[in-house]
């Protein structure tokens, strides 16, 4: 009972390590069992050889933050600034900030009650565009 109970309750990390040790003992490569990794490595090798492939990064949609950078909406501006500084340049991350006071016409254009902030996400297709409201949802 104890040995079967211990093996069934062992963590997935334990099983992965045990399988890796068994592969190493046999002399087989992890690529033999992991087709996704093998395929990804082949794509990288083909890219390095000059074979055109699609970009590994999908371009970011156009982001527009509507609101004032005071109080709670400030954390949304902060988050977008941090993302811009951290993400690699080839990702193409950028955003626009439209200053709008609560209950203003600009705020009402994006939120039925005129609340701020709102984040407009535009992917260039009608079915992919949407608006996020509430600062906690945006973060």
C-alpha atoms as a PDB file:
ATOM      1  CA  UNK A   1       0.000   0.000   0.000  1.00  0.00           C
ATOM      2  CA  UNK A   2       2.674   2.488   0.983  1.00  0.00           C
ATOM      3  CA  UNK A   3       4.770   2.181  -2.206  1.00  0.00           C
ATOM      4  CA  UNK A   4       1.756   2.570  -4.509  1.00  0.00           C
ATOM      5  CA  UNK A   5       0.466   5.468  -2.421  1.00  0.00           C
ATOM      6  CA  UNK A   6       3.809   7.254  -2.542  1.00  0.00           C
ATOM      7  CA  UNK A   7       4.252   6.852  -6.287  1.00  0.00           C
ATOM      8  CA  UNK A   8       0.747   8.110  -7.066  1.00  0.00           C
ATOM      9  CA  UNK A   9       1.075  11.126  -4.797  1.00  0.00           C
ATOM     10  CA  UNK A  10       4.556  12.115  -6.008  1.00  0.00           C
ATOM     11  CA  UNK A  11       4.758  15.475  -7.660  1.00  0.00           C
ATOM     12  CA  UNK A  12       4.817  15.822 -11.464  1.00  0.00           C
ATOM     13  CA  UNK A  13       8.308  17.307 -11.114  1.00  0.00           C
ATOM     14  CA  UNK A  14       9.471  14.018  -9.530  1.00  0.00           C
ATOM     15  CA  UNK A  15       8.097  12.026 -12.473  1.00  0.00           C
ATOM     16  CA  UNK A  16       9.715  14.379 -15.008  1.00  0.00           C
ATOM     17  CA  UNK A  17      13.085  14.057 -13.302  1.00  0.00           C
ATOM     18  CA  UNK A  18      12.767  10.282 -13.149  1.00  0.00           C
ATOM     19  CA  UNK A  19      11.914  10.130 -16.866  1.00  0.00           C
ATOM     20  CA  UNK A  20      14.860  12.408 -17.708  1.00  0.00           C
ATOM     21  CA  UNK A  21      17.182  10.151 -15.698  1.00  0.00           C
ATOM     22  CA  UNK A  22      15.859   7.095 -17.549  1.00  0.00           C
ATOM     23  CA  UNK A  23      16.439   8.818 -20.920  1.00  0.00           C
ATOM     24  CA  UNK A  24      19.971   9.754 -19.886  1.00  0.00           C
ATOM     25  CA  UNK A  25      20.674   6.164 -18.849  1.00  0.00           C
ATOM     26  CA  UNK A  26      19.466   4.913 -22.252  1.00  0.00           C
ATOM     27  CA  UNK A  27      21.373   7.623 -24.098  1.00  0.00           C
ATOM     28  CA  UNK A  28      18.267   8.963 -25.828  1.00  0.00           C
ATOM     29  CA  UNK A  29      17.599  12.634 -26.363  1.00  0.00           C
ATOM     30  CA  UNK A  30      14.612  14.555 -24.972  1.00  0.00           C
ATOM     31  CA  UNK A  31      14.002  15.636 -28.587  1.00  0.00           C
ATOM     32  CA  UNK A  32      12.979  12.058 -29.381  1.00  0.00           C
ATOM     33  CA  UNK A  33       9.940  12.449 -27.139  1.00  0.00           C
ATOM     34  CA  UNK A  34       9.133  16.151 -27.491  1.00  0.00           C
ATOM     35  CA  UNK A  35       7.924  16.834 -31.031  1.00  0.00           C
ATOM     36  CA  UNK A  36       6.936  20.440 -30.292  1.00  0.00           C
ATOM     37  CA  UNK A  37      10.406  21.342 -29.092  1.00  0.00           C
ATOM     38  CA  UNK A  38      11.963  19.542 -32.049  1.00  0.00           C
ATOM     39  CA  UNK A  39       9.701  21.424 -34.477  1.00  0.00           C
ATOM     40  CA  UNK A  40      10.521  24.757 -32.815  1.00  0.00           C
ATOM     41  CA  UNK A  41      14.249  24.064 -33.031  1.00  0.00           C
ATOM     42  CA  UNK A  42      13.899  23.195 -36.718  1.00  0.00           C
ATOM     43  CA  UNK A  43      12.110  26.513 -37.334  1.00  0.00           C
ATOM     44  CA  UNK A  44      14.852  28.425 -35.542  1.00  0.00           C
ATOM     45  CA  UNK A  45      17.504  26.610 -37.586  1.00  0.00           C
ATOM     46  CA  UNK A  46      15.627  27.348 -40.821  1.00  0.00           C
ATOM     47  CA  UNK A  47      15.349  31.016 -39.877  1.00  0.00           C
ATOM     48  CA  UNK A  48      19.059  31.172 -39.171  1.00  0.00           C
ATOM     49  CA  UNK A  49      19.743  29.653 -42.615  1.00  0.00           C
ATOM     50  CA  UNK A  50      17.710  32.418 -44.256  1.00  0.00           C
ATOM     51  CA  UNK A  51      14.552  30.446 -44.989  1.00  0.00           C
ATOM     52  CA  UNK A  52      11.636  32.861 -44.554  1.00  0.00           C
ATOM     53  CA  UNK A  53       9.268  31.923 -41.758  1.00  0.00           C
ATOM     54  CA  UNK A  54       6.569  33.848 -39.970  1.00  0.00           C
ATOM     55  CA  UNK A  55       7.682  36.142 -37.175  1.00  0.00           C
ATOM     56  CA  UNK A  56       7.815  34.490 -33.746  1.00  0.00           C
ATOM     57  CA  UNK A  57       6.128  37.583 -32.315  1.00  0.00           C
ATOM     58  CA  UNK A  58       2.566  38.469 -33.184  1.00  0.00           C
ATOM     59  CA  UNK A  59       2.351  42.260 -33.408  1.00  0.00           C
ATOM     60  CA  UNK A  60       0.624  43.980 -30.536  1.00  0.00           C
ATOM     61  CA  UNK A  61      -2.755  45.525 -31.196  1.00  0.00           C
ATOM     62  CA  UNK A  62      -3.183  49.267 -31.023  1.00  0.00           C
ATOM     63  CA  UNK A  63      -3.827  50.279 -27.391  1.00  0.00           C
ATOM     64  CA  UNK A  64      -5.461  53.533 -26.353  1.00  0.00           C
ATOM     65  CA  UNK A  65      -5.925  54.369 -22.684  1.00  0.00           C
ATOM     66  CA  UNK A  66      -8.710  56.881 -22.047  1.00  0.00           C
ATOM     67  CA  UNK A  67      -8.643  58.599 -18.675  1.00  0.00           C
ATOM     68  CA  UNK A  68      -6.775  60.934 -16.424  1.00  0.00           C
ATOM     69  CA  UNK A  69      -3.474  59.803 -14.891  1.00  0.00           C
ATOM     70  CA  UNK A  70      -4.665  60.695 -11.395  1.00  0.00           C
ATOM     71  CA  UNK A  71      -5.770  58.409  -8.621  1.00  0.00           C
ATOM     72  CA  UNK A  72      -6.599  54.796  -9.622  1.00  0.00           C
ATOM     73  CA  UNK A  73      -6.155  55.224 -13.395  1.00  0.00           C
ATOM     74  CA  UNK A  74      -2.522  56.147 -12.709  1.00  0.00           C
ATOM     75  CA  UNK A  75      -1.676  52.469 -12.184  1.00  0.00           C
ATOM     76  CA  UNK A  76      -2.841  51.730 -15.734  1.00  0.00           C
ATOM     77  CA  UNK A  77      -0.490  54.359 -17.150  1.00  0.00           C
ATOM     78  CA  UNK A  78       2.264  52.949 -14.958  1.00  0.00           C
ATOM     79  CA  UNK A  79       1.614  49.400 -16.208  1.00  0.00           C
ATOM     80  CA  UNK A  80       1.730  50.481 -19.854  1.00  0.00           C
ATOM     81  CA  UNK A  81       4.964  52.407 -19.275  1.00  0.00           C
ATOM     82  CA  UNK A  82       6.537  49.360 -17.614  1.00  0.00           C
ATOM     83  CA  UNK A  83       5.471  47.102 -20.493  1.00  0.00           C
ATOM     84  CA  UNK A  84       6.951  49.512 -23.019  1.00  0.00           C
ATOM     85  CA  UNK A  85      10.276  49.510 -21.149  1.00  0.00           C
ATOM     86  CA  UNK A  86      10.449  45.736 -20.632  1.00  0.00           C
ATOM     87  CA  UNK A  87       9.229  44.259 -23.927  1.00  0.00           C
ATOM     88  CA  UNK A  88      11.723  43.835 -26.779  1.00  0.00           C
ATOM     89  CA  UNK A  89      11.569  46.429 -29.555  1.00  0.00           C
ATOM     90  CA  UNK A  90      10.703  43.857 -32.245  1.00  0.00           C
ATOM     91  CA  UNK A  91       7.395  43.157 -30.513  1.00  0.00           C
ATOM     92  CA  UNK A  92       6.266  46.644 -31.506  1.00  0.00           C
ATOM     93  CA  UNK A  93       4.486  47.523 -28.271  1.00  0.00           C
ATOM     94  CA  UNK A  94       3.185  51.080 -28.110  1.00  0.00           C
ATOM     95  CA  UNK A  95       0.179  52.823 -26.697  1.00  0.00           C
ATOM     96  CA  UNK A  96      -1.595  56.153 -26.795  1.00  0.00           C
ATOM     97  CA  UNK A  97      -2.980  57.987 -23.781  1.00  0.00           C
ATOM     98  CA  UNK A  98      -6.029  60.222 -24.246  1.00  0.00           C
ATOM     99  CA  UNK A  99      -6.600  62.491 -21.259  1.00  0.00           C
ATOM    100  CA  UNK A 100     -10.295  62.533 -20.395  1.00  0.00           C
ATOM    101  CA  UNK A 101     -11.991  63.563 -17.183  1.00  0.00           C
ATOM    102  CA  UNK A 102     -14.757  61.417 -15.701  1.00  0.00           C
ATOM    103  CA  UNK A 103     -18.207  62.182 -17.129  1.00  0.00           C
ATOM    104  CA  UNK A 104     -16.691  64.055 -20.102  1.00  0.00           C
ATOM    105  CA  UNK A 105     -17.916  63.481 -23.658  1.00  0.00           C
ATOM    106  CA  UNK A 106     -14.681  61.611 -24.484  1.00  0.00           C
ATOM    107  CA  UNK A 107     -15.170  59.290 -21.499  1.00  0.00           C
ATOM    108  CA  UNK A 108     -18.836  58.694 -22.394  1.00  0.00           C
ATOM    109  CA  UNK A 109     -17.820  57.715 -25.925  1.00  0.00           C
ATOM    110  CA  UNK A 110     -16.060  54.640 -24.482  1.00  0.00           C
ATOM    111  CA  UNK A 111     -17.991  53.926 -21.268  1.00  0.00           C
ATOM    112  CA  UNK A 112     -21.787  54.312 -21.023  1.00  0.00           C
ATOM    113  CA  UNK A 113     -21.556  55.903 -17.564  1.00  0.00           C
ATOM    114  CA  UNK A 114     -18.580  58.112 -18.401  1.00  0.00           C
ATOM    115  CA  UNK A 115     -16.201  56.346 -16.022  1.00  0.00           C
ATOM    116  CA  UNK A 116     -12.456  56.261 -16.550  1.00  0.00           C
ATOM    117  CA  UNK A 117     -10.200  54.514 -17.352  1.00  0.00           C
ATOM    118  CA  UNK A 118     -11.067  52.588 -20.507  1.00  0.00           C
ATOM    119  CA  UNK A 119      -8.579  50.660 -22.623  1.00  0.00           C
ATOM    120  CA  UNK A 120      -9.411  50.411 -26.318  1.00  0.00           C
ATOM    121  CA  UNK A 121      -7.823  47.369 -27.961  1.00  0.00           C
ATOM    122  CA  UNK A 122      -7.838  47.515 -31.754  1.00  0.00           C
ATOM    123  CA  UNK A 123      -6.401  44.618 -33.716  1.00  0.00           C
ATOM    124  CA  UNK A 124      -7.331  46.017 -37.106  1.00  0.00           C
ATOM    125  CA  UNK A 125     -10.321  43.718 -37.556  1.00  0.00           C
ATOM    126  CA  UNK A 126     -13.862  44.556 -36.490  1.00  0.00           C
ATOM    127  CA  UNK A 127     -14.387  41.270 -34.638  1.00  0.00           C
ATOM    128  CA  UNK A 128     -11.068  41.588 -32.781  1.00  0.00           C
ATOM    129  CA  UNK A 129     -11.634  45.079 -31.358  1.00  0.00           C
ATOM    130  CA  UNK A 130     -12.921  45.537 -27.821  1.00  0.00           C
ATOM    131  CA  UNK A 131     -12.890  47.923 -24.843  1.00  0.00           C
ATOM    132  CA  UNK A 132     -11.831  47.059 -21.303  1.00  0.00           C
ATOM    133  CA  UNK A 133     -13.258  49.118 -18.459  1.00  0.00           C
ATOM    134  CA  UNK A 134     -12.375  49.249 -14.749  1.00  0.00           C
ATOM    135  CA  UNK A 135      -8.752  49.793 -13.763  1.00  0.00           C
ATOM    136  CA  UNK A 136      -8.457  46.404 -12.019  1.00  0.00           C
ATOM    137  CA  UNK A 137      -9.538  44.579 -15.198  1.00  0.00           C
ATOM    138  CA  UNK A 138      -7.071  46.566 -17.291  1.00  0.00           C
ATOM    139  CA  UNK A 139      -4.165  45.666 -15.028  1.00  0.00           C
END
